[in-house]
Amino acid sequence: MSVEIAVIDDYQGVAHSFGDWSRLPSKARVTFFQDHCASEADLVDRLAPFEIVGVMRERTAFPRSLLSQLPSLRLLITTGRRNSTIDMEAADDLGITVGFTNSPGHATAELTMALILSLARNLSVESGSVSAGGWQVGVGRDLRGANLGLVGLGRLGSQVAEFAKAFGMEVGAWSENLTQERCAEVGVAGLSRDELFRSSDFVSVHLRLSQRTTGLVGAEEIEMMRPDAYLINTSRAAIVDEDALVQALTAGTIAGAALDVYEHEPLPQDHRFRATPRLLTTPHIGYVTRETYAVFYGEMVEAIAAYLQIEAEE
């Protein structure tokens, strides 16, 4: 009897090439899905036959309401070290094992620097001008000597700090529980909330989403920012108040913003971010690199193989 395995949200159609799926036993039958199911009903229809489901990060949520409608599901493997969209309590109640992979993490920090550079040199506009037959249309700014304010100084924030210092930026950080000892350890200035938002040329968000951090960067914080300052969010969408950001960008009270994360993904076709001025958008590609995918899908295969081995021995 075959074991049905689904790997979902394989947007680029590459999951098969980043893991050695041939190491799974012959009874394992893997189906890769490139498209995204937006509705729970569609997900139930799709996943009902599968005993094992491989999930790419938080692209698809697994609340209790969905898990309870998948009686065949026994193993859920998600890439990354955590996944806030999986109801762990419900999975435990339903006898569903949830597994995780490692996450290198540095790819998102690298993208953050790429976005900062793109904003500083207005690359999207300049590139668009050349593609349209034009030439130079604006004046960029240096990173050397510019102030970078990090909202959060954890694993990713500290990596961004090191990259920024290599460019000669002056780096400061703030979060509600950040200590001066931690700032000294990373080699950045510890700032108050007001100092960070008022003095930074670039503000970059690097916090985990929680009840405490939801809406943490709101209208008050954005209003503190200078008119030539930029906001970057590669963390979680809900940390930045969407209405306040759109209002500031539309009015031009800040110079611009760059986002790699959104409340609804993939971003709906009619979403206002697609037409918001001064906004650079990327489609949540912070972790989308060959090296990271090799870890994600490679360890996903290992976890599935281990599960099937244990199952065969029982």
Protein backbone atom coordinates (compact mmCIF):
# COMPACT_ATOMS: atom_id res chain seq x y z
CA MET A 1 0.00 0.00 0.00
CA SER A 2 1.42 3.38 -1.02
CA VAL A 3 2.06 6.29 1.32
CA GLU A 4 0.72 9.52 -0.17
CA ILE A 5 2.92 12.58 0.37
CA ALA A 6 2.03 16.14 -0.67
CA VAL A 7 4.53 18.98 -0.96
CA ILE A 8 2.55 22.20 -1.24
CA ASP A 9 3.21 25.80 -2.29
CA ASP A 10 6.18 24.81 -4.45
CA TYR A 11 5.83 28.13 -6.29
CA GLN A 12 8.88 27.75 -8.54
CA GLY A 13 8.45 24.01 -9.17
CA VAL A 14 11.88 23.23 -7.70
CA ALA A 15 11.20 21.16 -4.57
CA HIS A 16 11.94 17.94 -6.44
CA SER A 17 15.46 19.15 -7.28
CA PHE A 18 16.48 20.40 -3.81
CA GLY A 19 15.85 17.16 -1.95
CA ASP A 20 16.88 13.59 -2.69
CA TRP A 21 13.35 12.19 -2.82
CA SER A 22 14.68 8.95 -4.31
CA ARG A 23 15.88 7.92 -0.86
CA LEU A 24 12.28 7.45 0.25
CA PRO A 25 10.97 3.87 0.11
CA SER A 26 9.30 2.71 -3.08
CA LYS A 27 5.87 2.78 -1.43
CA ALA A 28 6.15 6.56 -0.97
CA ARG A 29 4.41 8.53 -3.69
CA VAL A 30 5.18 12.27 -3.70
CA THR A 31 2.96 14.88 -5.36
CA PHE A 32 4.25 18.45 -5.75
CA PHE A 33 1.81 21.35 -5.95
CA GLN A 34 3.00 24.67 -7.37
CA ASP A 35 -0.24 26.62 -7.00
CA HIS A 36 -1.56 28.04 -3.76
CA CYS A 37 -4.97 27.09 -2.36
CA ALA A 38 -6.49 30.20 -0.86
CA SER A 39 -9.64 28.67 0.59
CA GLU A 40 -9.91 26.07 3.34
CA ALA A 41 -12.45 24.08 1.33
CA ASP A 42 -10.02 23.78 -1.58
CA LEU A 43 -7.26 22.69 0.82
CA VAL A 44 -9.44 20.00 2.33
CA ASP A 45 -10.27 18.65 -1.12
CA ARG A 46 -6.63 18.66 -2.15
CA LEU A 47 -5.03 17.26 1.00
CA ALA A 48 -7.66 14.73 2.09
CA PRO A 49 -5.84 11.70 0.59
CA PHE A 50 -2.42 12.51 2.03
CA GLU A 51 -0.81 11.00 5.12
CA ILE A 52 2.20 13.33 4.97
CA VAL A 53 2.27 17.00 3.98
CA GLY A 54 5.39 19.12 3.45
CA VAL A 55 4.90 22.82 4.05
CA MET A 56 7.07 25.72 2.91
CA ARG A 57 7.29 28.16 5.82
CA GLU A 58 4.02 30.00 6.53
CA ARG A 59 2.64 30.09 3.01
CA THR A 60 -0.38 28.01 4.05
CA ALA A 61 -1.93 28.11 7.51
CA PHE A 62 -3.01 24.94 9.33
CA PRO A 63 -5.57 25.98 11.98
CA ARG A 64 -7.63 23.47 13.94
CA SER A 65 -10.55 23.89 11.54
CA LEU A 66 -8.40 22.58 8.67
CA LEU A 67 -6.51 19.89 10.57
CA SER A 68 -9.73 18.42 11.91
CA GLN A 69 -10.92 17.82 8.34
CA LEU A 70 -7.82 15.84 7.33
CA PRO A 71 -8.27 12.44 9.02
CA SER A 72 -5.54 10.81 6.90
CA LEU A 73 -2.88 13.31 7.94
CA ARG A 74 -0.27 11.87 10.29
CA LEU A 75 2.86 13.95 9.65
CA LEU A 76 3.21 17.65 8.91
CA ILE A 77 6.74 18.81 8.07
CA THR A 78 7.34 22.54 7.87
CA THR A 79 10.53 24.22 6.75
CA GLY A 80 12.10 26.53 9.29
CA ARG A 81 12.54 26.31 13.04
CA ARG A 82 9.06 27.56 13.86
CA ASN A 83 5.72 28.09 12.15
CA SER A 84 3.16 30.29 13.87
CA THR A 85 0.40 29.34 11.40
CA ILE A 86 0.24 25.70 12.55
CA ASP A 87 -2.08 25.08 15.49
CA MET A 88 0.28 22.88 17.52
CA GLU A 89 -2.29 22.12 20.23
CA ALA A 90 -4.80 20.96 17.63
CA ALA A 91 -2.17 18.81 15.91
CA ASP A 92 -1.34 17.15 19.23
CA ASP A 93 -5.00 16.56 20.01
CA LEU A 94 -5.52 14.96 16.60
CA GLY A 95 -2.43 12.76 16.77
CA ILE A 96 -0.60 14.62 14.02
CA THR A 97 3.18 14.79 14.38
CA VAL A 98 4.70 18.17 13.43
CA GLY A 99 8.34 18.36 12.39
CA PHE A 100 10.65 21.26 11.57
CA THR A 101 13.85 21.82 9.61
CA ASN A 102 16.78 24.07 10.30
CA SER A 103 16.89 27.56 8.79
CA PRO A 104 20.20 29.21 7.84
CA GLY A 105 18.62 32.67 8.23
CA HIS A 106 21.34 34.81 6.70
CA ALA A 107 19.56 34.99 3.32
CA THR A 108 16.92 37.33 4.75
CA ALA A 109 19.60 39.58 6.23
CA GLU A 110 21.28 39.73 2.83
CA LEU A 111 17.98 40.67 1.16
CA THR A 112 17.50 43.42 3.74
CA MET A 113 20.78 44.99 2.67
CA ALA A 114 19.81 44.61 -0.98
CA LEU A 115 16.57 46.49 -0.30
CA ILE A 116 18.41 49.23 1.59
CA LEU A 117 20.79 49.62 -1.34
CA SER A 118 17.91 49.63 -3.82
CA LEU A 119 16.12 52.37 -1.91
CA ALA A 120 19.27 54.44 -1.49
CA ARG A 121 20.07 54.36 -5.21
CA ASN A 122 16.44 54.27 -6.43
CA LEU A 123 17.26 51.19 -8.50
CA SER A 124 13.71 50.23 -9.48
CA VAL A 125 13.04 53.68 -10.96
CA GLU A 126 16.43 53.99 -12.66
CA SER A 127 16.17 50.49 -14.14
CA GLY A 128 12.64 51.20 -15.30
CA SER A 129 13.83 54.38 -16.99
CA VAL A 130 16.47 52.49 -18.99
CA SER A 131 13.94 49.79 -19.96
CA ALA A 132 11.58 52.53 -21.18
CA GLY A 133 14.29 54.13 -23.33
CA GLY A 134 15.28 56.84 -20.87
CA TRP A 135 18.36 57.56 -18.77
CA GLN A 136 19.14 59.04 -15.34
CA VAL A 137 16.09 60.40 -13.53
CA GLY A 138 17.17 60.90 -9.91
CA VAL A 139 19.99 61.35 -7.44
CA GLY A 140 20.84 58.58 -5.00
CA ARG A 141 22.49 58.76 -1.61
CA ASP A 142 25.47 57.16 0.11
CA LEU A 143 25.16 54.47 2.74
CA ARG A 144 28.50 55.44 4.27
CA GLY A 145 27.75 57.72 7.20
CA ALA A 146 23.98 57.11 7.04
CA ASN A 147 22.10 56.07 10.18
CA LEU A 148 20.48 52.63 10.23
CA GLY A 149 17.95 51.98 12.98
CA LEU A 150 17.20 48.34 13.72
CA VAL A 151 13.91 47.51 15.39
CA GLY A 152 15.05 44.26 16.97
CA LEU A 153 18.56 42.91 17.44
CA GLY A 154 18.13 39.16 17.40
CA ARG A 155 19.68 36.67 15.01
CA LEU A 156 18.71 38.52 11.82
CA GLY A 157 18.98 42.05 13.19
CA SER A 158 22.53 41.44 14.36
CA GLN A 159 23.50 40.05 10.96
CA VAL A 160 22.10 43.14 9.24
CA ALA A 161 24.08 45.26 11.68
CA GLU A 162 27.33 43.57 10.62
CA PHE A 163 26.55 44.02 6.92
CA ALA A 164 25.63 47.67 7.44
CA LYS A 165 28.81 48.42 9.37
CA ALA A 166 30.81 47.00 6.45
CA PHE A 167 29.20 49.73 4.31
CA GLY A 168 30.23 52.37 6.85
CA MET A 169 26.75 52.95 8.25
CA GLU A 170 26.14 54.14 11.80
CA VAL A 171 23.93 51.49 13.42
CA GLY A 172 21.57 51.84 16.37
CA ALA A 173 18.90 49.52 17.71
CA TRP A 174 15.79 49.47 19.85
CA SER A 175 13.13 47.02 20.97
CA GLU A 176 11.05 46.86 24.11
CA ASN A 177 13.31 44.35 25.86
CA LEU A 178 16.64 45.21 24.27
CA THR A 179 19.48 45.75 26.75
CA GLN A 180 22.59 47.92 26.49
CA GLU A 181 24.63 44.76 27.10
CA ARG A 182 23.20 43.18 23.96
CA CYS A 183 23.88 46.34 21.95
CA ALA A 184 27.47 46.40 23.18
CA GLU A 185 27.88 42.75 22.27
CA VAL A 186 26.84 43.45 18.67
CA GLY A 187 28.67 46.78 18.56
CA VAL A 188 25.72 49.09 17.93
CA ALA A 189 24.26 52.05 19.79
CA GLY A 190 21.32 51.38 22.09
CA LEU A 191 18.59 53.93 21.33
CA SER A 192 15.22 54.82 22.73
CA ARG A 193 12.21 54.29 20.49
CA ASP A 194 11.89 58.01 19.75
CA GLU A 195 15.61 58.41 19.07
CA LEU A 196 15.61 55.58 16.58
CA PHE A 197 12.64 56.74 14.54
CA ARG A 198 13.63 60.43 14.62
CA SER A 199 17.32 60.02 13.77
CA SER A 200 17.50 57.09 11.35
CA ASP A 201 17.91 57.44 7.61
CA PHE A 202 16.79 53.81 7.28
CA VAL A 203 14.60 51.89 9.74
CA SER A 204 14.59 48.11 9.37
CA VAL A 205 12.26 45.75 11.26
CA HIS A 206 13.60 42.47 12.69
CA LEU A 207 11.16 41.15 15.29
CA ARG A 208 9.10 38.03 15.78
CA LEU A 209 5.38 38.56 15.42
CA SER A 210 3.51 38.32 18.70
CA GLN A 211 0.64 40.00 20.47
CA ARG A 212 3.14 42.52 21.81
CA THR A 213 4.75 43.36 18.45
CA THR A 214 1.59 43.48 16.31
CA GLY A 215 1.21 47.08 15.11
CA LEU A 216 4.38 48.09 16.96
CA VAL A 217 5.42 50.35 14.08
CA GLY A 218 2.29 52.45 13.78
CA ALA A 219 1.22 55.95 12.82
CA GLU A 220 3.03 57.55 15.77
CA GLU A 221 6.35 55.90 14.93
CA ILE A 222 6.09 56.58 11.19
CA GLU A 223 5.20 60.23 11.85
CA MET A 224 8.47 60.57 13.80
CA MET A 225 10.49 59.57 10.76
CA ARG A 226 12.26 62.20 8.70
CA PRO A 227 10.88 63.07 5.24
CA ASP A 228 14.04 61.64 3.61
CA ALA A 229 13.98 58.38 5.63
CA TYR A 230 13.05 54.87 4.51
CA LEU A 231 11.29 51.94 6.21
CA ILE A 232 12.18 48.30 5.45
CA ASN A 233 10.22 45.26 6.65
CA THR A 234 11.45 41.72 5.93
CA SER A 235 10.07 40.34 9.20
CA ARG A 236 6.28 40.01 9.49
CA ALA A 237 3.68 42.25 7.87
CA ALA A 238 1.50 42.80 10.93
CA ILE A 239 4.33 44.48 12.84
CA VAL A 240 3.91 47.56 10.63
CA ASP A 241 0.51 49.25 10.51
CA GLU A 242 -0.50 49.01 6.85
CA ASP A 243 -2.87 51.98 6.84
CA ALA A 244 -0.30 54.26 8.46
CA LEU A 245 2.40 53.20 6.01
CA VAL A 246 0.23 53.69 2.92
CA GLN A 247 -0.87 57.09 4.17
CA ALA A 248 2.74 58.20 4.74
CA LEU A 249 3.91 56.94 1.35
CA THR A 250 0.98 58.50 -0.49
CA ALA A 251 1.48 61.85 1.23
CA GLY A 252 5.26 61.69 0.83
CA THR A 253 5.94 62.26 4.51
CA ILE A 254 8.68 59.61 4.27
CA ALA A 255 10.92 59.01 1.28
CA GLY A 256 9.93 55.41 0.70
CA ALA A 257 9.63 51.87 1.97
CA ALA A 258 10.53 48.33 0.98
CA LEU A 259 8.44 45.28 1.89
CA ASP A 260 9.04 41.56 1.49
CA VAL A 261 6.17 40.41 3.72
CA TYR A 262 2.42 40.88 3.49
CA GLU A 263 -0.70 40.14 5.52
CA HIS A 264 -2.13 38.09 2.65
CA GLU A 265 0.20 36.04 0.46
CA PRO A 266 0.41 35.72 -2.47
CA LEU A 267 -0.48 39.42 -2.64
CA PRO A 268 -3.99 39.80 -4.15
CA GLN A 269 -4.07 41.24 -7.65
CA ASP A 270 -6.10 44.26 -6.55
CA HIS A 271 -4.07 44.98 -3.39
CA ARG A 272 -3.29 48.65 -2.89
CA PHE A 273 0.42 47.94 -2.41
CA ARG A 274 0.63 47.24 -6.14
CA ALA A 275 -0.14 50.91 -6.81
CA THR A 276 1.27 52.63 -3.71
CA PRO A 277 3.88 55.28 -4.61
CA ARG A 278 7.42 55.20 -3.18
CA LEU A 279 7.05 51.52 -2.35
CA LEU A 280 9.49 48.78 -3.37
CA THR A 281 7.91 45.33 -3.13
CA THR A 282 9.42 41.85 -3.40
CA PRO A 283 7.35 38.62 -3.19
CA HIS A 284 8.55 37.26 0.19
CA ILE A 285 11.88 36.05 -1.15
CA GLY A 286 13.92 36.63 2.00
CA TYR A 287 14.63 32.91 2.37
CA VAL A 288 14.30 31.97 -1.31
CA THR A 289 17.86 30.99 -2.22
CA ARG A 290 19.40 27.78 -3.54
CA GLU A 291 21.37 27.24 -0.35
CA THR A 292 18.38 27.71 1.94
CA TYR A 293 16.13 25.52 -0.19
CA ALA A 294 18.76 22.77 -0.11
CA VAL A 295 18.51 22.79 3.70
CA PHE A 296 14.72 23.07 3.74
CA TYR A 297 13.86 20.32 1.28
CA GLY A 298 16.89 18.17 2.11
CA GLU A 299 15.88 17.99 5.76
CA MET A 300 12.23 17.57 4.82
CA VAL A 301 13.17 14.38 2.97
CA GLU A 302 15.25 13.21 5.96
CA ALA A 303 12.34 13.77 8.35
CA ILE A 304 9.90 11.90 6.13
CA ALA A 305 12.36 9.02 5.67
CA ALA A 306 12.86 8.75 9.44
CA TYR A 307 9.10 8.77 10.05
CA LEU A 308 8.52 6.01 7.49
CA GLN A 309 11.37 3.97 8.94
CA ILE A 310 9.88 4.16 12.44
CA GLU A 311 6.44 3.33 11.06
CA ALA A 312 7.84 0.27 9.25
CA GLU A 313 9.49 -1.01 12.42
CA GLU A 314 6.36 -0.77 14.54
